[in-house]
C-alpha cells in the first residue's frame, strides 16, 4: 500500500462503534482515531484475505443489528 494519503473517506458511526474505535486506539496507544481506523482496516483486510469465506455484507457491522438498528455490544440478543 502507498503511504500517499490523497483520498478522504467520510464514515458515519454509531456511538458504540466510535467507542470501540476509541478503546482500540487507547489500548494500542495510537495517536489519532484516523490511525486506529487505518490499523483496523488493515487488520480486517488481512483477516478477510486469509479467511475469504463469502460472508454477507451484513456480517461486517461492528455490532449486531436488530429490527430497530444497532444493538449494544453487551446485548447479544437484539430481540430481547
Protein backbone atom coordinates (compact mmCIF):
# COMPACT_ATOMS: atom_id res chain seq x y z
CA UNK A 1 0.00 0.00 0.00
CA UNK A 2 1.12 3.50 -0.74
CA UNK A 3 1.85 5.96 2.06
CA UNK A 4 0.33 8.78 -0.01
CA UNK A 5 -2.99 9.76 1.53
CA UNK A 6 -4.78 11.86 -1.04
CA UNK A 7 -8.28 10.39 -0.64
CA UNK A 8 -10.69 11.28 2.14
CA UNK A 9 -13.23 8.76 3.37
CA UNK A 10 -16.15 10.01 5.42
CA UNK A 11 -17.93 7.44 7.60
CA UNK A 12 -20.93 7.77 9.90
CA UNK A 13 -20.61 5.70 13.09
CA UNK A 14 -22.93 4.83 15.93
CA UNK A 15 -21.83 5.86 19.43
CA UNK A 16 -20.97 2.21 20.20
CA UNK A 17 -18.81 1.91 17.07
CA UNK A 18 -16.96 5.12 17.94
CA UNK A 19 -16.38 3.86 21.49
CA UNK A 20 -14.98 0.59 20.10
CA UNK A 21 -12.56 2.54 17.88
CA UNK A 22 -11.50 4.81 20.74
CA UNK A 23 -10.99 1.81 23.04
CA UNK A 24 -8.79 0.16 20.39
CA UNK A 25 -6.91 3.42 19.88
CA UNK A 26 -6.12 3.95 23.56
CA UNK A 27 -5.33 0.27 24.22
CA UNK A 28 -2.75 0.34 21.41
CA UNK A 29 -1.55 3.89 22.19
CA UNK A 30 -2.33 5.22 18.74
CA UNK A 31 -2.03 8.97 18.15
CA UNK A 32 -5.33 9.57 16.33
CA UNK A 33 -8.68 8.00 15.50
CA UNK A 34 -7.64 8.01 11.85
CA UNK A 35 -4.55 5.93 12.68
CA UNK A 36 -6.72 3.50 14.64
CA UNK A 37 -9.21 3.18 11.78
CA UNK A 38 -6.39 2.59 9.26
CA UNK A 39 -4.93 -0.13 11.52
CA UNK A 40 -8.34 -1.77 12.00
CA UNK A 41 -8.90 -1.71 8.23
CA UNK A 42 -5.50 -3.29 7.65
CA UNK A 43 -6.20 -6.00 10.23
CA UNK A 44 -9.66 -6.67 8.83
CA UNK A 45 -8.50 -6.83 5.24
CA UNK A 46 -5.65 -9.16 6.19
CA UNK A 47 -8.03 -11.45 8.08
CA UNK A 48 -10.54 -11.40 5.22
CA UNK A 49 -7.86 -12.27 2.67
CA UNK A 50 -6.87 -15.26 4.79
CA UNK A 51 -10.44 -16.29 5.59
CA UNK A 52 -12.40 -15.19 2.46
CA UNK A 53 -15.48 -17.33 3.10
CA UNK A 54 -18.03 -15.37 1.05
CA UNK A 55 -19.83 -13.85 4.05
CA UNK A 56 -22.74 -11.46 3.54
CA UNK A 57 -22.13 -7.73 3.78
CA UNK A 58 -24.46 -7.59 6.81
CA UNK A 59 -21.88 -9.66 8.72
CA UNK A 60 -19.42 -6.77 8.68
CA UNK A 61 -21.03 -4.48 11.27
CA UNK A 62 -19.19 -3.84 14.50
CA UNK A 63 -22.34 -4.65 16.45
CA UNK A 64 -25.26 -6.91 15.64
CA UNK A 65 -28.40 -5.39 14.18
CA UNK A 66 -31.93 -5.91 15.30
CA UNK A 67 -35.18 -4.68 13.80
CA UNK A 68 -34.56 -1.21 15.26
CA UNK A 69 -30.93 -0.86 14.13
CA UNK A 70 -27.76 -1.37 16.12
CA UNK A 71 -27.77 -3.10 19.47
CA UNK A 72 -25.15 -2.61 22.12
CA UNK A 73 -22.12 -4.88 22.26
CA UNK A 74 -23.25 -6.16 25.65
CA UNK A 75 -26.70 -7.16 24.30
CA UNK A 76 -26.10 -10.26 22.17
CA UNK A 77 -29.81 -10.86 21.51
CA UNK A 78 -31.36 -7.86 19.69
CA UNK A 79 -34.87 -9.28 20.19
CA UNK A 80 -34.59 -9.45 23.98
